[in-house]
């Protein structure tokens, strides 16, 4: 008898638990590819040279990894853990700030009217220290 289960609010009829896991993993990969294309414009390869397009895709893969890492730094039960990359980019990355470089540290001064200051401080506090 087939098993009826729910994955993220959708009803899925599956033959076994193995099929459920494979279906879930495939859907997750499709969602990652869709986010990579939609929010990072990674499907835009408009140059006539293949090396330029390859380098552009390499940069987009790096941006995807950075945003995924930023999202994984968020608290497990917060909404920031599941937001789309476009929201992360617009609310946390694309902000006006004054950067002060010192000998042993870098200070980020946010404006007093910046939204989501608490989550920005939390994310910056959880970043691993870069040792040169």
Protein backbone atom coordinates (compact mmCIF):
# COMPACT_ATOMS: atom_id res chain seq x y z
CA UNK A 1 0.00 0.00 0.00
CA UNK A 2 1.46 3.43 -0.93
CA UNK A 3 2.39 5.84 1.83
CA UNK A 4 0.74 9.27 1.89
CA UNK A 5 2.99 11.93 3.36
CA UNK A 6 3.40 15.72 3.42
CA UNK A 7 6.56 17.53 2.37
CA UNK A 8 6.34 21.29 2.99
CA UNK A 9 2.56 21.38 2.72
CA UNK A 10 2.29 19.35 -0.50
CA UNK A 11 0.59 15.99 -0.58
CA UNK A 12 2.82 13.36 -2.13
CA UNK A 13 1.91 9.70 -2.66
CA UNK A 14 5.04 7.59 -2.39
CA UNK A 15 5.79 3.91 -2.59
CA UNK A 16 8.43 3.83 0.13
CA UNK A 17 10.57 5.96 2.38
CA UNK A 18 13.47 5.71 -0.07
CA UNK A 19 11.37 7.29 -2.81
CA UNK A 20 10.34 10.04 -0.40
CA UNK A 21 13.95 10.84 0.41
CA UNK A 22 14.98 10.82 -3.26
CA UNK A 23 12.05 13.04 -4.22
CA UNK A 24 12.83 15.47 -1.41
CA UNK A 25 16.53 15.65 -2.32
CA UNK A 26 15.75 16.20 -6.01
CA UNK A 27 13.31 19.01 -5.18
CA UNK A 28 15.85 20.63 -2.88
CA UNK A 29 18.50 20.58 -5.63
CA UNK A 30 16.01 22.06 -8.10
CA UNK A 31 15.24 24.84 -5.61
CA UNK A 32 18.97 25.57 -5.17
CA UNK A 33 19.46 25.80 -8.95
CA UNK A 34 16.39 28.03 -9.27
CA UNK A 35 17.68 30.36 -6.53
CA UNK A 36 21.12 30.45 -8.15
CA UNK A 37 19.61 31.51 -11.47
CA UNK A 38 16.89 33.84 -10.24
CA UNK A 39 18.52 35.73 -7.38
CA UNK A 40 22.13 35.82 -8.55
CA UNK A 41 21.54 36.12 -12.32
CA UNK A 42 23.80 33.12 -12.86
CA UNK A 43 22.15 32.12 -16.12
CA UNK A 44 23.33 35.30 -17.85
CA UNK A 45 26.23 34.34 -20.09
CA UNK A 46 26.11 37.18 -22.58
CA UNK A 47 29.76 37.38 -23.56
CA UNK A 48 30.95 35.84 -26.83
CA UNK A 49 34.04 34.33 -25.21
CA UNK A 50 33.64 31.05 -23.35
CA UNK A 51 36.34 31.89 -20.81
CA UNK A 52 34.56 35.10 -19.79
CA UNK A 53 31.28 33.22 -19.36
CA UNK A 54 33.03 30.51 -17.37
CA UNK A 55 34.63 33.09 -15.10
CA UNK A 56 31.25 34.78 -14.61
CA UNK A 57 29.71 31.44 -13.58
CA UNK A 58 32.64 30.87 -11.21
CA UNK A 59 31.98 34.25 -9.55
CA UNK A 60 28.26 33.46 -9.27
CA UNK A 61 29.07 30.13 -7.64
CA UNK A 62 31.23 31.98 -5.11
CA UNK A 63 28.42 34.46 -4.41
CA UNK A 64 25.98 31.58 -3.95
CA UNK A 65 28.36 29.92 -1.48
CA UNK A 66 28.77 33.17 0.49
CA UNK A 67 25.02 33.76 0.74
CA UNK A 68 24.40 30.14 1.68
CA UNK A 69 27.07 30.43 4.40
CA UNK A 70 25.52 33.68 5.65
CA UNK A 71 22.11 32.03 5.82
CA UNK A 72 23.53 29.05 7.70
CA UNK A 73 24.99 31.41 10.35
CA UNK A 74 21.51 32.56 11.33
CA UNK A 75 19.74 31.12 14.39
CA UNK A 76 18.02 27.82 13.66
CA UNK A 77 14.51 28.97 14.55
CA UNK A 78 14.63 32.41 12.95
CA UNK A 79 13.00 33.37 9.68
CA UNK A 80 16.41 34.40 8.35
CA UNK A 81 17.42 30.73 8.14
CA UNK A 82 14.91 30.09 5.33
CA UNK A 83 14.65 33.40 3.46
CA UNK A 84 15.42 33.59 -0.23
CA UNK A 85 18.81 34.82 -1.34
CA UNK A 86 17.31 37.96 -2.83
CA UNK A 87 15.99 38.96 0.60
CA UNK A 88 19.39 38.31 2.19
CA UNK A 89 21.12 40.34 -0.48
CA UNK A 90 18.76 43.31 -0.20
CA UNK A 91 18.38 43.39 3.60
CA UNK A 92 21.81 42.35 4.88
CA UNK A 93 24.41 42.70 2.14
CA UNK A 94 23.27 45.70 0.11
CA UNK A 95 23.27 48.27 2.90
CA UNK A 96 24.98 51.59 3.41
CA UNK A 97 27.72 51.39 6.01
CA UNK A 98 30.98 53.09 6.87
CA UNK A 99 33.94 50.72 6.96
CA UNK A 100 36.96 51.56 9.10
CA UNK A 101 40.04 49.42 8.56
CA UNK A 102 42.37 49.20 11.52
CA UNK A 103 45.57 47.25 11.98
CA UNK A 104 44.00 44.25 13.70
CA UNK A 105 40.30 44.63 12.97
CA UNK A 106 37.69 46.01 10.61
CA UNK A 107 34.82 48.05 12.04
CA UNK A 108 31.47 48.36 10.31
CA UNK A 109 29.47 51.44 11.32
CA UNK A 110 25.79 51.11 10.41
CA UNK A 111 23.46 54.11 10.21
CA UNK A 112 21.07 54.45 13.14
CA UNK A 113 18.08 54.00 10.82
CA UNK A 114 19.35 50.72 9.33
CA UNK A 115 16.73 47.98 9.58
CA UNK A 116 17.62 44.59 11.03
CA UNK A 117 20.67 45.82 12.95
CA UNK A 118 20.35 43.05 15.53
CA UNK A 119 20.55 40.25 12.96
CA UNK A 120 23.46 41.97 11.18
CA UNK A 121 25.40 42.17 14.46
CA UNK A 122 24.57 38.52 15.17
CA UNK A 123 25.76 37.39 11.71
CA UNK A 124 28.96 39.44 11.92
CA UNK A 125 29.63 38.05 15.39
CA UNK A 126 29.25 34.47 14.14
CA UNK A 127 31.60 34.87 11.18
CA UNK A 128 34.85 33.01 11.65
CA UNK A 129 37.88 35.17 12.22
CA UNK A 130 40.17 35.50 9.23
CA UNK A 131 43.80 35.20 10.24
CA UNK A 132 46.32 36.63 7.80
